[in-house]
Amino acid sequence: MNVPEQMMLAVSPRHELLLPPEYAQLVRYAPEHDFVMRTITRREANGLQLMSAEMVIAGKDTRKAFPLAEKYPMHFRKSYFPGRLRGDPSVEFAHQQRASEILDAPPPIGWTEDTFRSCFVPGKPYSRLTPFGIEPVENNVGVAEELNLAMAVGLWWLCCQAFDQLCRLHAAGMGHGDMELHNIAVAPAPAEAVLIDFELARERSELSDAEWEKLVRADFTELLREAVYLQCALGRQPGPLADMAMERIAELFPSPGRFERHIRRQAAA
């Protein structure tokens, strides 16, 4: 009797996952249709399903329709259902493709009238790694005081990576449009932060100067708040992320003085 074996499977040009035997078999011998491994998100309204986001192993029909599904059979699939006001999946595909080219990020795989498929980054969203984000916001100073140094340095490094990618995206004339911390994926191998989910992205050419400036500033907001919290743990840091965070601190927090004082004290410690 042949015992199924585990499999190292590419899920993007840079990332691999070790699949358990039961899933490895579905990669080797494709099912007729997509096999849903895990549901990530499901949205409903009044009992009506609007959208689902899932990790799937591509079936025979999918692999035939999309060449990259053959190369990356385990991937992210977003399905839309009647009744949801939404954009065009082809536009989301185009945004993901352009972001992939700008940032060397995982590429999209394909789209239909009601689905969007993409490679994904194995790991966790940054929002699940950070200890910050509690209310009221001033209480995050206390969280920073208790933060382990190694963790604070690691989170700062990830934020700098995400900031650099966001700057590159803007320099190429593209805004993310939904730049919250859960849209920064953190992979363990290679260790990196990767921007994801470009459904609401916009091109500079589509917007007026005022609209573009508003989008760019909004893209940075959550990352700058995180940078302030981390500097409360580490002290004032050099570089463009730290500089922008301190320049905009008055608009990031209703009472910025406590954060500024704590950062100065940390720097002097």
Protein backbone atom coordinates (compact mmCIF):
# COMPACT_ATOMS: atom_id res chain seq x y z
CA MET A 1 0.00 0.00 0.00
CA ASN A 2 1.41 3.39 -1.01
CA VAL A 3 1.40 5.92 1.82
CA PRO A 4 0.86 9.53 0.65
CA GLU A 5 3.78 11.83 1.39
CA GLN A 6 4.09 15.46 2.33
CA MET A 7 4.92 17.92 -0.44
CA MET A 8 6.78 21.21 -0.67
CA LEU A 9 4.59 23.35 -2.88
CA ALA A 10 5.31 26.74 -4.46
CA VAL A 11 2.53 29.22 -3.66
CA SER A 12 4.24 32.24 -5.23
CA PRO A 13 7.52 32.92 -7.05
CA ARG A 14 9.28 33.30 -3.65
CA HIS A 15 7.25 31.26 -1.17
CA GLU A 16 6.66 27.58 -0.48
CA LEU A 17 4.50 25.59 1.94
CA LEU A 18 4.80 22.05 3.27
CA LEU A 19 1.50 20.35 2.50
CA PRO A 20 0.23 17.40 4.56
CA PRO A 21 -0.38 14.16 2.61
CA GLU A 22 -4.14 14.59 2.19
CA TYR A 23 -3.67 17.92 0.43
CA ALA A 24 -0.59 16.78 -1.50
CA GLN A 25 -2.73 14.12 -3.15
CA LEU A 26 -5.15 16.79 -4.40
CA VAL A 27 -2.26 18.71 -5.92
CA ARG A 28 -0.89 15.63 -7.68
CA TYR A 29 -4.31 14.39 -8.81
CA ALA A 30 -6.54 17.41 -9.38
CA PRO A 31 -10.19 17.13 -8.34
CA GLU A 32 -12.83 18.00 -10.94
CA HIS A 33 -13.47 21.37 -9.30
CA ASP A 34 -11.69 23.58 -6.74
CA PHE A 35 -11.26 22.05 -3.31
CA VAL A 36 -11.77 24.61 -0.52
CA MET A 37 -9.08 24.19 2.13
CA ARG A 38 -10.06 27.09 4.34
CA THR A 39 -12.54 29.96 4.31
CA ILE A 40 -10.80 33.20 5.27
CA THR A 41 -13.71 35.63 5.07
CA ARG A 42 -17.41 35.41 4.31
CA ARG A 43 -19.66 38.45 4.02
CA GLU A 44 -23.44 38.30 4.27
CA ALA A 45 -26.31 40.77 4.45
CA ASN A 46 -29.82 39.81 5.58
CA GLY A 47 -28.95 36.17 5.13
CA LEU A 48 -27.70 36.73 1.57
CA GLN A 49 -24.12 35.70 0.85
CA LEU A 50 -22.21 38.50 -0.84
CA MET A 51 -18.56 37.43 -0.92
CA SER A 52 -16.29 34.63 0.21
CA ALA A 53 -12.49 34.54 0.31
CA GLU A 54 -10.91 31.10 0.46
CA MET A 55 -7.73 29.12 0.11
CA VAL A 56 -8.30 26.51 -2.57
CA ILE A 57 -6.54 23.73 -4.42
CA ALA A 58 -7.37 24.24 -8.06
CA GLY A 59 -9.51 21.68 -9.81
CA LYS A 60 -9.06 20.43 -13.36
CA ASP A 61 -11.32 23.11 -14.81
CA THR A 62 -9.40 25.91 -13.08
CA ARG A 63 -5.99 24.57 -14.11
CA LYS A 64 -7.18 24.37 -17.68
CA ALA A 65 -8.56 27.93 -17.65
CA PHE A 66 -5.57 29.64 -15.98
CA PRO A 67 -1.98 28.61 -16.73
CA LEU A 68 -0.69 30.01 -13.42
CA ALA A 69 -3.19 27.82 -11.54
CA GLU A 70 -1.26 24.83 -12.88
CA LYS A 71 1.98 26.33 -11.56
CA TYR A 72 0.42 27.49 -8.26
CA PRO A 73 -2.51 25.10 -7.67
CA MET A 74 -2.90 26.19 -4.05
CA HIS A 75 -3.97 29.82 -4.14
CA PHE A 76 -6.34 32.54 -2.95
CA ARG A 77 -9.82 32.72 -4.50
CA LYS A 78 -12.33 35.50 -3.94
CA SER A 79 -15.89 34.78 -5.09
CA TYR A 80 -18.63 37.37 -5.48
CA PHE A 81 -22.35 36.59 -5.38
CA PRO A 82 -25.38 38.43 -6.84
CA GLY A 83 -26.47 41.44 -4.84
CA ARG A 84 -23.06 42.84 -3.91
CA LEU A 85 -22.15 46.27 -5.19
CA ARG A 86 -18.58 45.78 -6.29
CA GLY A 87 -15.94 46.65 -8.79
CA ASP A 88 -14.90 44.60 -11.77
CA PRO A 89 -12.66 41.57 -10.95
CA SER A 90 -10.74 42.33 -14.13
CA VAL A 91 -9.78 45.70 -12.65
CA GLU A 92 -8.65 44.05 -9.43
CA PHE A 93 -6.60 41.64 -11.54
CA ALA A 94 -4.99 44.55 -13.39
CA HIS A 95 -4.19 46.35 -10.12
CA GLN A 96 -2.63 43.23 -8.61
CA GLN A 97 -0.61 42.64 -11.78
CA ARG A 98 0.75 46.18 -11.77
CA ALA A 99 1.55 46.06 -8.04
CA SER A 100 3.31 42.75 -8.62
CA GLU A 101 5.49 44.33 -11.28
CA ILE A 102 6.30 47.39 -9.15
CA LEU A 103 6.99 45.54 -5.89
CA ASP A 104 7.98 42.06 -7.08
CA ALA A 105 4.97 40.87 -5.09
CA PRO A 106 3.00 37.62 -5.68
CA PRO A 107 1.14 37.87 -9.00
CA PRO A 108 -2.55 37.40 -9.76
CA ILE A 109 -3.63 34.12 -11.32
CA GLY A 110 -6.85 34.92 -13.13
CA TRP A 111 -10.35 36.34 -13.06
CA THR A 112 -13.87 35.70 -14.26
CA GLU A 113 -17.00 37.81 -14.04
CA ASP A 114 -17.48 36.79 -10.40
CA THR A 115 -14.07 35.52 -9.18
CA PHE A 116 -10.55 36.78 -8.61
CA ARG A 117 -7.55 34.53 -8.00
CA SER A 118 -4.07 35.32 -6.81
CA CYS A 119 -0.91 33.82 -5.38
CA PHE A 120 -0.60 34.49 -1.67
CA VAL A 121 1.99 35.10 1.02
CA PRO A 122 2.14 32.33 3.64
CA GLY A 123 2.40 33.75 7.13
CA LYS A 124 0.29 36.15 9.16
CA PRO A 125 -1.14 39.64 8.74
CA TYR A 126 0.88 42.27 10.60
CA SER A 127 -2.28 43.20 12.54
CA ARG A 128 -2.07 39.82 14.32
CA LEU A 129 1.55 40.37 15.34
CA THR A 130 1.43 43.88 16.77
CA PRO A 131 0.40 44.38 20.42
CA PHE A 132 -0.74 47.94 19.66
CA GLY A 133 -4.06 49.38 18.56
CA ILE A 134 -5.93 49.40 21.87
CA GLU A 135 -8.31 52.17 22.94
CA PRO A 136 -7.93 54.82 24.18
CA VAL A 137 -4.85 55.33 22.02
CA GLU A 138 -2.81 56.82 24.89
CA ASN A 139 -2.80 53.38 26.55
CA ASN A 140 -0.50 52.15 23.81
CA VAL A 141 2.32 53.98 25.58
CA GLY A 142 1.99 51.50 28.43
CA VAL A 143 2.04 48.63 25.96
CA ALA A 144 5.25 50.03 24.47
CA GLU A 145 6.89 50.19 27.90
CA GLU A 146 6.33 46.45 28.37
CA LEU A 147 7.39 45.44 24.86
CA ASN A 148 10.34 43.07 24.52
CA LEU A 149 13.28 44.78 22.78
CA ALA A 150 13.77 42.03 20.20
CA MET A 151 10.07 42.13 19.29
CA ALA A 152 10.09 45.93 19.03
CA VAL A 153 13.13 45.87 16.74
CA GLY A 154 11.58 43.13 14.59
CA LEU A 155 8.29 45.01 14.22
CA TRP A 156 10.17 48.20 13.36
CA TRP A 157 12.08 46.36 10.64
CA LEU A 158 8.82 45.04 9.17
CA CYS A 159 7.25 48.50 9.22
CA CYS A 160 10.26 49.95 7.42
CA GLN A 161 9.90 47.28 4.74
CA ALA A 162 6.19 48.05 4.30
CA PHE A 163 6.88 51.80 4.23
CA ASP A 164 9.52 51.37 1.53
CA GLN A 165 7.12 49.32 -0.60
CA LEU A 166 4.38 51.90 -0.17
CA CYS A 167 6.77 54.68 -1.24
CA ARG A 168 7.75 52.67 -4.32
CA LEU A 169 4.10 52.11 -5.17
CA HIS A 170 3.36 55.83 -4.93
CA ALA A 171 6.47 56.76 -6.92
CA ALA A 172 5.18 54.51 -9.72
CA GLY A 173 1.84 56.37 -9.69
CA MET A 174 -0.32 53.86 -7.85
CA GLY A 175 -2.14 54.23 -4.52
CA HIS A 176 -3.15 51.24 -2.40
CA GLY A 177 -6.52 52.60 -1.23
CA ASP A 178 -6.95 50.23 1.75
CA MET A 179 -3.61 50.39 3.53
CA GLU A 180 -4.52 48.97 6.91
CA LEU A 181 -2.23 46.74 8.97
CA HIS A 182 -4.08 43.56 8.03
CA ASN A 183 -3.05 44.21 4.43
CA ILE A 184 0.61 43.80 5.31
CA ALA A 185 1.40 40.09 5.13
CA VAL A 186 4.41 38.86 7.11
CA ALA A 187 6.13 35.76 5.72
CA PRO A 188 8.68 33.68 7.68
CA ALA A 189 10.69 32.34 4.72
CA PRO A 190 11.99 34.52 3.27
CA ALA A 191 11.36 36.78 6.25
CA GLU A 192 9.61 39.83 4.82
CA ALA A 193 6.61 42.12 4.85
CA VAL A 194 4.51 42.21 1.67
CA LEU A 195 1.67 44.56 0.76
CA ILE A 196 -1.47 42.69 -0.32
CA ASP A 197 -5.10 43.26 -1.43
CA PHE A 198 -5.19 45.88 -4.17
CA GLU A 199 -8.95 45.73 -4.75
CA LEU A 200 -9.35 49.46 -3.97
CA ALA A 201 -6.11 50.64 -5.60
CA ARG A 202 -6.16 53.75 -7.79
CA GLU A 203 -3.88 55.09 -10.49
CA ARG A 204 -2.45 58.59 -10.26
CA SER A 205 -3.72 59.29 -13.77
CA GLU A 206 -7.33 58.72 -12.64
CA LEU A 207 -7.26 61.38 -9.92
CA SER A 208 -6.93 65.11 -9.50
CA ASP A 209 -3.90 66.46 -7.63
CA ALA A 210 -6.02 66.96 -4.50
CA GLU A 211 -7.49 63.45 -4.69
CA TRP A 212 -4.06 61.89 -5.17
CA GLU A 213 -2.60 63.80 -2.22
CA LYS A 214 -5.52 62.67 -0.03
CA LEU A 215 -5.06 59.04 -1.09
CA VAL A 216 -1.31 59.07 -0.45
CA ARG A 217 -1.73 60.58 3.01
CA ALA A 218 -4.42 58.04 3.88
CA ASP A 219 -2.21 55.18 2.68
CA PHE A 220 0.46 56.10 5.23
CA THR A 221 -1.78 56.77 8.26
CA GLU A 222 -1.96 53.36 9.96
CA LEU A 223 1.72 52.67 9.37
CA LEU A 224 2.70 56.04 10.84
CA ARG A 225 0.65 55.41 14.00
CA GLU A 226 2.44 52.09 14.40
CA ALA A 227 5.77 53.87 13.93
CA VAL A 228 4.94 56.27 16.77
CA TYR A 229 4.01 53.40 19.10
CA LEU A 230 7.22 51.55 18.29
CA GLN A 231 9.33 54.64 18.90
CA CYS A 232 7.71 54.84 22.32
CA ALA A 233 9.36 51.46 22.90
CA LEU A 234 12.66 52.11 21.12
CA GLY A 235 13.22 55.85 21.23
CA ARG A 236 13.52 58.20 18.25
CA GLN A 237 14.64 56.34 15.14
CA PRO A 238 16.44 57.63 12.04
CA GLY A 239 15.05 57.39 8.54
CA PRO A 240 12.05 58.49 6.46
CA LEU A 241 9.41 56.41 8.28
CA ALA A 242 10.32 57.88 11.66
CA ASP A 243 10.64 61.39 10.21
CA MET A 244 7.20 61.28 8.56
CA ALA A 245 5.59 59.81 11.69
CA MET A 246 6.89 62.63 13.86
CA GLU A 247 6.03 65.30 11.29
CA ARG A 248 2.41 64.11 11.20
CA ILE A 249 2.02 63.16 14.85
CA ALA A 250 -0.37 66.04 15.58
CA GLU A 251 -2.86 64.74 13.00
CA LEU A 252 -2.40 61.10 14.01
CA PHE A 253 -3.43 61.56 17.65
CA PRO A 254 -5.80 63.93 19.48
CA SER A 255 -3.17 64.43 22.24
CA PRO A 256 0.27 63.90 20.67
CA GLY A 257 2.22 65.41 23.57
CA ARG A 258 2.33 62.23 25.65
CA PHE A 259 3.79 60.25 22.76
CA GLU A 260 6.40 62.93 21.98
CA ARG A 261 7.51 63.14 25.62
CA HIS A 262 7.81 59.38 25.97
CA ILE A 263 9.84 59.07 22.77
CA ARG A 264 12.23 61.74 24.02
CA ARG A 265 12.62 59.97 27.36
CA GLN A 266 13.31 56.66 25.63
CA ALA A 267 15.96 58.27 23.47
CA ALA A 268 17.65 59.67 26.57
CA ALA A 269 17.48 56.42 28.56
